[in-house]
C-alpha atoms as a PDB file:
ATOM      1  CA  MET A   1     -16.621 -20.891  14.889  1.00  0.00           C
ATOM      2  CA  LYS A   2     -19.186 -18.698  14.126  1.00  0.00           C
ATOM      3  CA  SER A   3     -18.550 -17.402  10.516  1.00  0.00           C
ATOM      4  CA  PRO A   4     -17.629 -13.622  10.444  1.00  0.00           C
ATOM      5  CA  PHE A   5     -19.734 -13.069   7.224  1.00  0.00           C
ATOM      6  CA  GLN A   6     -23.096 -12.482   7.891  1.00  0.00           C
ATOM      7  CA  TYR A   7     -25.259 -12.067   4.295  1.00  0.00           C
ATOM      8  CA  ALA A   8     -25.274 -15.081   2.013  1.00  0.00           C
ATOM      9  CA  ASP A   9     -26.066 -12.572  -0.659  1.00  0.00           C
ATOM     10  CA  ARG A  10     -22.982 -10.346  -0.885  1.00  0.00           C
ATOM     11  CA  LYS A  11     -19.637 -11.539  -2.188  1.00  0.00           C
ATOM     12  CA  HIS A  12     -17.079 -11.873   0.928  1.00  0.00           C
ATOM     13  CA  ILE A  13     -13.902 -10.121   1.127  1.00  0.00           C
ATOM     14  CA  LEU A  14     -11.514 -10.763   3.707  1.00  0.00           C
ATOM     15  CA  VAL A  15      -9.372  -7.344   4.679  1.00  0.00           C
ATOM     16  CA  THR A  16      -5.983  -8.612   6.303  1.00  0.00           C
ATOM     17  CA  GLY A  17      -3.558  -5.606   8.314  1.00  0.00           C
ATOM     18  CA  ALA A  18      -7.031  -4.352   9.351  1.00  0.00           C
ATOM     19  CA  SER A  19      -5.632  -1.989  11.853  1.00  0.00           C
ATOM     20  CA  GLY A  20      -3.055  -0.169   9.167  1.00  0.00           C
ATOM     21  CA  GLN A  21      -3.647   2.940   7.422  1.00  0.00           C
ATOM     22  CA  LEU A  22      -4.908   1.132   4.343  1.00  0.00           C
ATOM     23  CA  GLY A  23      -7.173  -1.098   6.290  1.00  0.00           C
ATOM     24  CA  CYS A  24      -8.862   1.872   7.916  1.00  0.00           C
ATOM     25  CA  GLU A  25      -9.450   3.487   5.098  1.00  0.00           C
ATOM     26  CA  LEU A  26     -11.249   0.644   3.301  1.00  0.00           C
ATOM     27  CA  ARG A  27     -13.286  -0.133   6.337  1.00  0.00           C
ATOM     28  CA  GLU A  28     -14.323   3.857   5.901  1.00  0.00           C
ATOM     29  CA  ARG A  29     -15.253   3.578   2.414  1.00  0.00           C
ATOM     30  CA  ALA A  30     -16.963   0.103   2.981  1.00  0.00           C
ATOM     31  CA  GLN A  31     -20.448   1.320   3.560  1.00  0.00           C
ATOM     32  CA  ASP A  32     -20.698   2.473   0.067  1.00  0.00           C
ATOM     33  CA  TYR A  33     -20.110  -0.825  -1.434  1.00  0.00           C
ATOM     34  CA  PRO A  34     -23.619  -2.516  -0.084  1.00  0.00           C
ATOM     35  CA  GLU A  35     -22.970  -5.805  -2.829  1.00  0.00           C
ATOM     36  CA  LEU A  36     -19.630  -6.632  -1.251  1.00  0.00           C
ATOM     37  CA  GLU A  37     -19.028  -7.804   2.616  1.00  0.00           C
ATOM     38  CA  LEU A  38     -15.519  -6.674   4.144  1.00  0.00           C
ATOM     39  CA  TYR A  39     -14.457  -8.793   7.356  1.00  0.00           C
ATOM     40  CA  PHE A  40     -12.019  -6.634   8.835  1.00  0.00           C
ATOM     41  CA  ALA A  41     -10.048  -9.608  10.349  1.00  0.00           C
ATOM     42  CA  PRO A  42      -7.990  -9.154  13.958  1.00  0.00           C
ATOM     43  CA  ARG A  43      -4.965 -10.264  13.888  1.00  0.00           C
ATOM     44  CA  ALA A  44      -5.521 -12.530  16.990  1.00  0.00           C
ATOM     45  CA  GLU A  45      -7.931 -14.610  14.403  1.00  0.00           C
ATOM     46  CA  PHE A  46      -6.205 -13.926  11.072  1.00  0.00           C
ATOM     47  CA  ASP A  47      -2.471 -13.744  11.297  1.00  0.00           C
ATOM     48  CA  ILE A  48      -0.857 -14.198   8.064  1.00  0.00           C
ATOM     49  CA  CYS A  49       2.455 -15.488   9.516  1.00  0.00           C
ATOM     50  CA  VAL A  50       0.821 -18.280  11.188  1.00  0.00           C
ATOM     51  CA  GLU A  51       0.244 -20.817   8.398  1.00  0.00           C
ATOM     52  CA  SER A  52      -2.496 -22.871  10.615  1.00  0.00           C
ATOM     53  CA  ARG A  53      -4.652 -20.106  10.631  1.00  0.00           C
ATOM     54  CA  VAL A  54      -4.537 -18.970   7.260  1.00  0.00           C
ATOM     55  CA  GLN A  55      -5.027 -22.415   6.151  1.00  0.00           C
ATOM     56  CA  ASP A  56      -7.951 -22.769   8.730  1.00  0.00           C
ATOM     57  CA  PHE A  57      -9.600 -19.192   7.959  1.00  0.00           C
ATOM     58  CA  MET A  58      -9.617 -19.521   4.327  1.00  0.00           C
ATOM     59  CA  SER A  59     -10.653 -23.149   3.777  1.00  0.00           C
ATOM     60  CA  ARG A  60     -13.489 -22.893   6.252  1.00  0.00           C
ATOM     61  CA  TYR A  61     -15.157 -19.677   4.597  1.00  0.00           C
ATOM     62  CA  ARG A  62     -13.368 -19.309   1.270  1.00  0.00           C
ATOM     63  CA  PRO A  63     -13.731 -15.782   0.597  1.00  0.00           C
ATOM     64  CA  ALA A  64     -14.386 -14.348  -2.661  1.00  0.00           C
ATOM     65  CA  ALA A  65     -11.164 -12.271  -2.709  1.00  0.00           C
ATOM     66  CA  VAL A  66      -8.220 -11.288  -0.108  1.00  0.00           C
ATOM     67  CA  ILE A  67      -7.385  -7.977  -0.011  1.00  0.00           C
ATOM     68  CA  ASN A  68      -3.943  -8.219   2.042  1.00  0.00           C
ATOM     69  CA  CYS A  69      -2.637  -4.946   3.587  1.00  0.00           C
ATOM     70  CA  ALA A  70      -0.505  -6.820   6.045  1.00  0.00           C
ATOM     71  CA  ALA A  71       2.935  -6.130   5.816  1.00  0.00           C
ATOM     72  CA  TYR A  72       6.083  -5.182   7.643  1.00  0.00           C
ATOM     73  CA  THR A  73       6.573  -1.900   7.044  1.00  0.00           C
ATOM     74  CA  ASN A  74       9.359  -0.448   9.366  1.00  0.00           C
ATOM     75  CA  VAL A  75      12.453   0.325   6.866  1.00  0.00           C
ATOM     76  CA  GLU A  76      15.086   1.322   9.387  1.00  0.00           C
ATOM     77  CA  LYS A  77      14.013  -1.858  11.864  1.00  0.00           C
ATOM     78  CA  ALA A  78      13.962  -4.179   8.953  1.00  0.00           C
ATOM     79  CA  GLU A  79      17.881  -4.351   8.706  1.00  0.00           C
ATOM     80  CA  ASP A  80      18.171  -5.885  12.227  1.00  0.00           C
ATOM     81  CA  GLU A  81      14.591  -7.862  12.281  1.00  0.00           C
ATOM     82  CA  VAL A  82      15.605  -9.687   9.089  1.00  0.00           C
ATOM     83  CA  ASP A  83      13.867 -13.058   9.965  1.00  0.00           C
ATOM     84  CA  SER A  84      10.904 -10.823  10.682  1.00  0.00           C
ATOM     85  CA  ALA A  85      10.737  -8.842   7.484  1.00  0.00           C
ATOM     86  CA  HIS A  86      10.713 -11.957   4.954  1.00  0.00           C
ATOM     87  CA  LEU A  87       8.268 -13.687   7.535  1.00  0.00           C
ATOM     88  CA  ALA A  88       5.391 -10.885   6.931  1.00  0.00           C
ATOM     89  CA  ASN A  89       6.567  -9.686   3.523  1.00  0.00           C
ATOM     90  CA  GLU A  90       7.489 -12.911   1.661  1.00  0.00           C
ATOM     91  CA  LYS A  91       7.023 -16.279   3.441  1.00  0.00           C
ATOM     92  CA  SER A  92       3.475 -15.445   4.773  1.00  0.00           C
ATOM     93  CA  LEU A  93       2.900 -15.069   1.252  1.00  0.00           C
ATOM     94  CA  ARG A  94       3.327 -18.598   0.221  1.00  0.00           C
ATOM     95  CA  TRP A  95       0.866 -19.726   2.846  1.00  0.00           C
ATOM     96  CA  LEU A  96      -1.994 -16.961   1.359  1.00  0.00           C
ATOM     97  CA  ALA A  97      -1.261 -17.438  -2.054  1.00  0.00           C
ATOM     98  CA  GLN A  98      -1.303 -21.210  -1.903  1.00  0.00           C
ATOM     99  CA  SER A  99      -4.877 -20.925  -0.111  1.00  0.00           C
ATOM    100  CA  CYS A 100      -6.182 -18.534  -2.548  1.00  0.00           C
ATOM    101  CA  HIS A 101      -5.456 -20.557  -5.266  1.00  0.00           C
ATOM    102  CA  GLU A 102      -6.872 -23.835  -3.586  1.00  0.00           C
ATOM    103  CA  ASN A 103     -10.089 -21.900  -2.790  1.00  0.00           C
ATOM    104  CA  GLY A 104     -10.390 -19.629  -5.467  1.00  0.00           C
ATOM    105  CA  SER A 105     -10.040 -16.601  -4.252  1.00  0.00           C
ATOM    106  CA  LEU A 106      -8.646 -13.197  -5.948  1.00  0.00           C
ATOM    107  CA  LEU A 107      -5.677 -11.915  -4.173  1.00  0.00           C
ATOM    108  CA  ILE A 108      -5.046  -8.142  -3.830  1.00  0.00           C
ATOM    109  CA  HIS A 109      -1.554  -7.151  -2.367  1.00  0.00           C
ATOM    110  CA  PHE A 110       0.647  -3.954  -2.344  1.00  0.00           C
ATOM    111  CA  SER A 111       4.316  -3.563  -2.877  1.00  0.00           C
ATOM    112  CA  THR A 112       6.777  -0.792  -2.837  1.00  0.00           C
ATOM    113  CA  ASP A 113       8.442   1.722  -4.919  1.00  0.00           C
ATOM    114  CA  TYR A 114      11.674   0.270  -2.795  1.00  0.00           C
ATOM    115  CA  VAL A 115      12.316  -2.577  -4.955  1.00  0.00           C
ATOM    116  CA  PHE A 116      14.131  -0.459  -7.361  1.00  0.00           C
ATOM    117  CA  ASP A 117      17.629   1.311  -6.657  1.00  0.00           C
ATOM    118  CA  GLY A 118      16.390   4.785  -7.881  1.00  0.00           C
ATOM    119  CA  MET A 119      19.585   4.705 -10.206  1.00  0.00           C
ATOM    120  CA  GLN A 120      17.445   5.636 -13.062  1.00  0.00           C
ATOM    121  CA  ARG A 121      16.097   9.243 -13.988  1.00  0.00           C
ATOM    122  CA  GLN A 122      12.581   8.725 -16.144  1.00  0.00           C
ATOM    123  CA  PRO A 123       9.463   6.910 -13.645  1.00  0.00           C
ATOM    124  CA  TYR A 124       9.894   2.693 -13.416  1.00  0.00           C
ATOM    125  CA  THR A 125       7.516   0.579 -15.420  1.00  0.00           C
ATOM    126  CA  GLU A 126       6.354  -2.603 -14.583  1.00  0.00           C
ATOM    127  CA  SER A 127       9.101  -3.931 -16.754  1.00  0.00           C
ATOM    128  CA  ASP A 128      12.137  -2.557 -15.369  1.00  0.00           C
ATOM    129  CA  ALA A 129      14.297  -5.024 -13.391  1.00  0.00           C
ATOM    130  CA  PRO A 130      13.997  -4.412  -9.645  1.00  0.00           C
ATOM    131  CA  ALA A 131      17.091  -3.873  -7.943  1.00  0.00           C
ATOM    132  CA  PRO A 132      16.381  -3.261  -3.494  1.00  0.00           C
ATOM    133  CA  LEU A 133      18.529  -1.514  -1.671  1.00  0.00           C
ATOM    134  CA  SER A 134      17.441  -2.452   1.648  1.00  0.00           C
ATOM    135  CA  VAL A 135      16.042  -5.953   3.521  1.00  0.00           C
ATOM    136  CA  TYR A 136      13.066  -4.160   3.654  1.00  0.00           C
ATOM    137  CA  GLY A 137      12.635  -3.490  -0.111  1.00  0.00           C
ATOM    138  CA  ARG A 138      14.137  -7.233  -1.039  1.00  0.00           C
ATOM    139  CA  SER A 139      11.475  -8.911   0.995  1.00  0.00           C
ATOM    140  CA  LYS A 140       8.786  -7.094  -0.456  1.00  0.00           C
ATOM    141  CA  TRP A 141      10.236  -8.063  -4.146  1.00  0.00           C
ATOM    142  CA  LEU A 142      10.625 -11.336  -2.943  1.00  0.00           C
ATOM    143  CA  GLY A 143       7.133 -11.685  -1.921  1.00  0.00           C
ATOM    144  CA  GLU A 144       5.704 -10.374  -5.404  1.00  0.00           C
ATOM    145  CA  ARG A 145       7.863 -13.341  -6.979  1.00  0.00           C
ATOM    146  CA  VAL A 146       6.135 -15.830  -4.403  1.00  0.00           C
ATOM    147  CA  ILE A 147       2.424 -14.310  -5.419  1.00  0.00           C
ATOM    148  CA  ASP A 148       3.494 -14.865  -9.335  1.00  0.00           C
ATOM    149  CA  GLU A 149       4.858 -18.279  -8.976  1.00  0.00           C
ATOM    150  CA  VAL A 150       1.574 -19.282  -7.094  1.00  0.00           C
ATOM    151  CA  LEU A 151      -1.154 -17.686  -9.013  1.00  0.00           C
ATOM    152  CA  ASP A 152      -2.743 -16.849 -11.872  1.00  0.00           C
ATOM    153  CA  ARG A 153      -5.555 -14.376 -10.379  1.00  0.00           C
ATOM    154  CA  TYR A 154      -4.010 -11.531  -8.373  1.00  0.00           C
ATOM    155  CA  PHE A 155      -3.280  -7.839  -8.739  1.00  0.00           C
ATOM    156  CA  ILE A 156      -0.229  -6.565  -6.922  1.00  0.00           C
ATOM    157  CA  PHE A 157       0.035  -2.822  -6.646  1.00  0.00           C
ATOM    158  CA  ARG A 158       3.357  -1.210  -6.166  1.00  0.00           C
ATOM    159  CA  VAL A 159       3.038   2.202  -4.453  1.00  0.00           C
ATOM    160  CA  SER A 160       5.185   4.832  -2.991  1.00  0.00           C
ATOM    161  CA  TRP A 161       4.872   7.177   0.004  1.00  0.00           C
ATOM    162  CA  LEU A 162       1.697   5.981   1.383  1.00  0.00           C
ATOM    163  CA  TYR A 163      -0.177   8.491   3.731  1.00  0.00           C
ATOM    164  CA  SER A 164      -3.496   8.940   5.268  1.00  0.00           C
ATOM    165  CA  ASN A 165      -5.075  10.301   8.324  1.00  0.00           C
ATOM    166  CA  TYR A 166      -4.571   6.826   9.969  1.00  0.00           C
ATOM    167  CA  GLY A 167      -1.483   5.290  11.394  1.00  0.00           C
ATOM    168  CA  HIS A 168       1.777   6.278  11.306  1.00  0.00           C
ATOM    169  CA  ASN A 169       3.159   8.035   8.189  1.00  0.00           C
ATOM    170  CA  PHE A 170       4.916  11.212   6.875  1.00  0.00           C
ATOM    171  CA  PHE A 171       1.918  13.131   6.400  1.00  0.00           C
ATOM    172  CA  LYS A 172       0.943  12.808  10.185  1.00  0.00           C
ATOM    173  CA  THR A 173       4.487  13.267  11.289  1.00  0.00           C
ATOM    174  CA  MET A 174       5.203  16.541   9.749  1.00  0.00           C
ATOM    175  CA  ILE A 175       1.986  18.031  10.976  1.00  0.00           C
ATOM    176  CA  ARG A 176       2.342  16.694  14.558  1.00  0.00           C
ATOM    177  CA  LEU A 177       6.266  18.352  14.442  1.00  0.00           C
ATOM    178  CA  ALA A 178       4.948  21.647  12.741  1.00  0.00           C
ATOM    179  CA  HIS A 179       3.196  22.268  15.885  1.00  0.00           C
ATOM    180  CA  GLU A 180       6.135  21.099  18.421  1.00  0.00           C
ATOM    181  CA  ARG A 181       9.107  22.828  16.496  1.00  0.00           C
ATOM    182  CA  ASP A 182      10.567  26.263  15.272  1.00  0.00           C
ATOM    183  CA  GLU A 183      11.333  24.779  11.908  1.00  0.00           C
ATOM    184  CA  LEU A 184      11.193  21.561   9.786  1.00  0.00           C
ATOM    185  CA  ARG A 185      14.722  20.200   8.038  1.00  0.00           C
ATOM    186  CA  VAL A 186      13.366  17.772   5.380  1.00  0.00           C
ATOM    187  CA  VAL A 187      15.433  16.003   2.714  1.00  0.00           C
ATOM    188  CA  ASN A 188      15.262  17.262  -1.348  1.00  0.00           C
ATOM    189  CA  ASP A 189      17.093  14.654  -2.908  1.00  0.00           C
ATOM    190  CA  GLN A 190      14.708  11.587  -2.322  1.00  0.00           C
ATOM    191  CA  VAL A 191      11.903  12.000  -5.278  1.00  0.00           C
ATOM    192  CA  ALA A 192       9.059   9.572  -5.892  1.00  0.00           C
ATOM    193  CA  SER A 193       4.955  10.501  -5.823  1.00  0.00           C
ATOM    194  CA  PRO A 194       3.198  10.896  -2.347  1.00  0.00           C
ATOM    195  CA  THR A 195       0.384   8.567  -2.522  1.00  0.00           C
ATOM    196  CA  TYR A 196      -3.015   8.810  -0.780  1.00  0.00           C
ATOM    197  CA  ALA A 197      -4.152   5.808   0.841  1.00  0.00           C
ATOM    198  CA  GLY A 198      -7.857   6.962   0.392  1.00  0.00           C
ATOM    199  CA  TRP A 199      -7.825   6.942  -3.281  1.00  0.00           C
ATOM    200  CA  LEU A 200      -5.931   3.468  -3.193  1.00  0.00           C
ATOM    201  CA  ALA A 201      -8.641   2.151  -1.227  1.00  0.00           C
ATOM    202  CA  ARG A 202     -11.548   3.627  -3.126  1.00  0.00           C
ATOM    203  CA  ASP A 203      -9.817   2.455  -6.645  1.00  0.00           C
ATOM    204  CA  VAL A 204      -9.432  -0.996  -5.251  1.00  0.00           C
ATOM    205  CA  MET A 205     -12.637  -1.391  -3.627  1.00  0.00           C
ATOM    206  CA  ASN A 206     -14.510   0.029  -7.315  1.00  0.00           C
ATOM    207  CA  LEU A 207     -12.015  -2.662  -8.794  1.00  0.00           C
ATOM    208  CA  VAL A 208     -13.196  -5.584  -6.998  1.00  0.00           C
ATOM    209  CA  ARG A 209     -17.009  -4.485  -7.753  1.00  0.00           C
ATOM    210  CA  ARG A 210     -16.100  -4.290 -11.497  1.00  0.00           C
ATOM    211  CA  ILE A 211     -14.734  -8.124 -11.393  1.00  0.00           C
ATOM    212  CA  LEU A 212     -16.976  -9.588  -8.722  1.00  0.00           C
ATOM    213  CA  ILE A 213     -19.954  -8.118  -9.014  1.00  0.00           C
ATOM    214  CA  ASP A 214     -20.199  -6.585 -12.943  1.00  0.00           C
ATOM    215  CA  GLN A 215     -18.308  -9.715 -13.876  1.00  0.00           C
ATOM    216  CA  GLN A 216     -15.951  -7.356 -15.990  1.00  0.00           C
ATOM    217  CA  HIS A 217     -12.672  -9.048 -17.690  1.00  0.00           C
ATOM    218  CA  VAL A 218      -9.759  -7.432 -16.736  1.00  0.00           C
ATOM    219  CA  GLU A 219      -5.986  -7.789 -16.867  1.00  0.00           C
ATOM    220  CA  TYR A 220      -4.565  -9.258 -13.597  1.00  0.00           C
ATOM    221  CA  GLY A 221      -0.572  -9.302 -12.479  1.00  0.00           C
ATOM    222  CA  LEU A 222       1.123  -6.502 -11.602  1.00  0.00           C
ATOM    223  CA  TYR A 223       0.619  -2.783 -11.437  1.00  0.00           C
ATOM    224  CA  HIS A 224       2.142   0.418 -10.448  1.00  0.00           C
ATOM    225  CA  TYR A 225      -0.217   2.701  -8.449  1.00  0.00           C
ATOM    226  CA  SER A 226       1.136   6.123  -8.325  1.00  0.00           C
ATOM    227  CA  GLU A 227      -0.690   9.368  -8.473  1.00  0.00           C
ATOM    228  CA  ASP A 228       0.304  12.084 -11.306  1.00  0.00           C
ATOM    229  CA  GLY A 229       3.447  14.110 -10.833  1.00  0.00           C
ATOM    230  CA  GLU A 230       6.120  13.661  -8.667  1.00  0.00           C
ATOM    231  CA  ALA A 231       7.941  15.583  -5.500  1.00  0.00           C
ATOM    232  CA  SER A 232      10.563  15.415  -3.198  1.00  0.00           C
ATOM    233  CA  TRP A 233      10.036  14.785   0.568  1.00  0.00           C
ATOM    234  CA  TYR A 234      10.580  18.504   0.784  1.00  0.00           C
ATOM    235  CA  ASP A 235       8.099  19.619  -1.767  1.00  0.00           C
ATOM    236  CA  PHE A 236       5.879  16.971  -0.292  1.00  0.00           C
ATOM    237  CA  THR A 237       5.963  19.083   3.278  1.00  0.00           C
ATOM    238  CA  CYS A 238       5.732  22.520   1.597  1.00  0.00           C
ATOM    239  CA  ALA A 239       2.484  21.532   0.312  1.00  0.00           C
ATOM    240  CA  ILE A 240       0.918  19.630   3.640  1.00  0.00           C
ATOM    241  CA  MET A 241       1.975  22.624   5.353  1.00  0.00           C
ATOM    242  CA  LYS A 242       0.360  25.307   2.820  1.00  0.00           C
ATOM    243  CA  GLU A 243      -2.756  23.075   2.320  1.00  0.00           C
ATOM    244  CA  CYS A 244      -3.002  22.772   6.299  1.00  0.00           C
ATOM    245  CA  GLY A 245      -2.629  26.706   6.585  1.00  0.00           C
ATOM    246  CA  ILE A 246       0.485  26.091   9.027  1.00  0.00           C
ATOM    247  CA  GLU A 247       2.989  28.761   8.426  1.00  0.00           C
ATOM    248  CA  ILE A 248       6.667  27.397   9.621  1.00  0.00           C
ATOM    249  CA  PRO A 249      10.300  27.434   7.749  1.00  0.00           C
ATOM    250  CA  VAL A 250      10.514  24.782   5.572  1.00  0.00           C
ATOM    251  CA  LEU A 251      14.563  24.035   5.122  1.00  0.00           C
ATOM    252  CA  PRO A 252      15.759  21.423   2.558  1.00  0.00           C
ATOM    253  CA  VAL A 253      18.779  19.417   3.328  1.00  0.00           C
ATOM    254  CA  SER A 254      20.422  16.280   2.049  1.00  0.00           C
ATOM    255  CA  THR A 255      19.914  12.633   2.561  1.00  0.00           C
ATOM    256  CA  ALA A 256      23.602  12.875   4.196  1.00  0.00           C
ATOM    257  CA  ASP A 257      22.388  14.969   6.552  1.00  0.00           C
ATOM    258  CA  PHE A 258      19.889  12.446   8.118  1.00  0.00           C
ATOM    259  CA  PRO A 259      22.028   9.207   8.013  1.00  0.00           C
ATOM    260  CA  THR A 260      20.239   5.681   8.297  1.00  0.00           C
ATOM    261  CA  ARG A 261      20.916   2.430   7.979  1.00  0.00           C
ATOM    262  CA  ALA A 262      18.203   1.460   5.469  1.00  0.00           C
ATOM    263  CA  LYS A 263      19.307   2.672   2.004  1.00  0.00           C
ATOM    264  CA  ARG A 264      16.288   4.229   0.086  1.00  0.00           C
ATOM    265  CA  PRO A 265      16.156   5.264  -3.911  1.00  0.00           C
ATOM    266  CA  ALA A 266      17.148   8.524  -4.898  1.00  0.00           C
ATOM    267  CA  TYR A 267      14.576   8.713  -7.674  1.00  0.00           C
ATOM    268  CA  SER A 268      11.439   5.832  -7.279  1.00  0.00           C
ATOM    269  CA  LYS A 269       8.429   7.469  -9.230  1.00  0.00           C
ATOM    270  CA  LEU A 270       6.252   4.951 -10.848  1.00  0.00           C
ATOM    271  CA  ASP A 271       5.131   5.118 -13.887  1.00  0.00           C
ATOM    272  CA  ASN A 272       0.787   4.396 -14.021  1.00  0.00           C
ATOM    273  CA  GLY A 273       0.466   3.974 -17.643  1.00  0.00           C
ATOM    274  CA  LYS A 274      -0.240   0.305 -17.484  1.00  0.00           C
ATOM    275  CA  LEU A 275      -2.844   1.376 -14.765  1.00  0.00           C
ATOM    276  CA  LYS A 276      -4.611   3.797 -16.844  1.00  0.00           C
ATOM    277  CA  ARG A 277      -4.695   1.605 -19.860  1.00  0.00           C
ATOM    278  CA  GLN A 278      -5.440  -1.760 -18.330  1.00  0.00           C
ATOM    279  CA  LEU A 279      -7.748  -0.994 -15.643  1.00  0.00           C
ATOM    280  CA  GLY A 280      -9.311   2.440 -16.530  1.00  0.00           C
ATOM    281  CA  ILE A 281      -7.601   3.889 -13.157  1.00  0.00           C
ATOM    282  CA  GLU A 282      -7.162   7.230 -13.421  1.00  0.00           C
ATOM    283  CA  PRO A 283      -5.491   8.549  -9.660  1.00  0.00           C
ATOM    284  CA  GLY A 284      -5.224  12.570 -10.533  1.00  0.00           C
ATOM    285  CA  THR A 285      -2.481  14.229  -9.166  1.00  0.00           C
ATOM    286  CA  TRP A 286      -0.619  14.203  -5.580  1.00  0.00           C
ATOM    287  CA  GLN A 287      -1.349  17.921  -5.075  1.00  0.00           C
ATOM    288  CA  GLU A 288      -5.093  16.864  -5.983  1.00  0.00           C
ATOM    289  CA  ALA A 289      -5.055  14.007  -3.475  1.00  0.00           C
ATOM    290  CA  LEU A 290      -3.420  16.047  -0.837  1.00  0.00           C
ATOM    291  CA  ARG A 291      -6.093  18.419  -0.275  1.00  0.00           C
ATOM    292  CA  GLU A 292      -8.594  16.064  -0.481  1.00  0.00           C
ATOM    293  CA  ALA A 293      -6.948  14.311   2.766  1.00  0.00           C
ATOM    294  CA  VAL A 294      -6.717  17.630   4.207  1.00  0.00           C
ATOM    295  CA  SER A 295     -10.188  18.159   3.862  1.00  0.00           C
ATOM    296  CA  ARG A 296     -11.258  14.765   5.333  1.00  0.00           C
ATOM    297  CA  MET A 297      -8.943  15.628   8.257  1.00  0.00           C
ATOM    298  CA  LYS A 298     -10.676  18.677   9.036  1.00  0.00           C
ATOM    299  CA  SER A 299     -14.088  17.445   8.551  1.00  0.00           C
END
């Protein structure tokens, strides 16, 4: 097999889950980092759920880092597709983590605020005990534990309410529905912090460059990546409509008005203090991030 990496003088980065919203954001920003070569592996070539493909690729090409954007993310379907959710979000991570360990690759992985039950009323820190309410949340939490068991050189970034101009997400759905309906009814009793995948991709790329090119010392481990401030889905929707210049009634409703199989935490704001102190990453406010996302959508 011909090597997917073309430049011997660059640090090679493997990106899995390349067609998802975070993978697309990384692709868009890759040109800003000429000293890094990112390979966005198609699933047919690198499926993290197939152990032999993971081991073969990693042992053959030994990338300096792996940015794992691949995951099972359908919260509702996971309640029925339990095995599939755990395969993608937990079992496959053992193969990936072991391969990273054997080949000296840094692993960057992404988890979720849904590892928490939402019972507390202050932002969750990395030291708070997980208590997932859903199959999806539990599969992601167990995946975190697998990585920590196998690796020392890793970053796990827990994120909440990820959105961008790519893929399927709440941000794009609300804009579409605003053009199809006379009003929007949105829950106002689930609170977290919307997270713009574009900023997450930027900060991850900067971190990779600092480690691999600048040889900076950083503390590996688990981090909460969240923008400053918090909002309900209703608050987020109102802000989206305002930034997009869409005039439509947005009505607040309770979670009970939209029953779902998977339980979601009522409050899952992630405390980003460790992110700022240890890594020097300052994401900014979710309102500022939304403005940039809308601006990039219009450009």
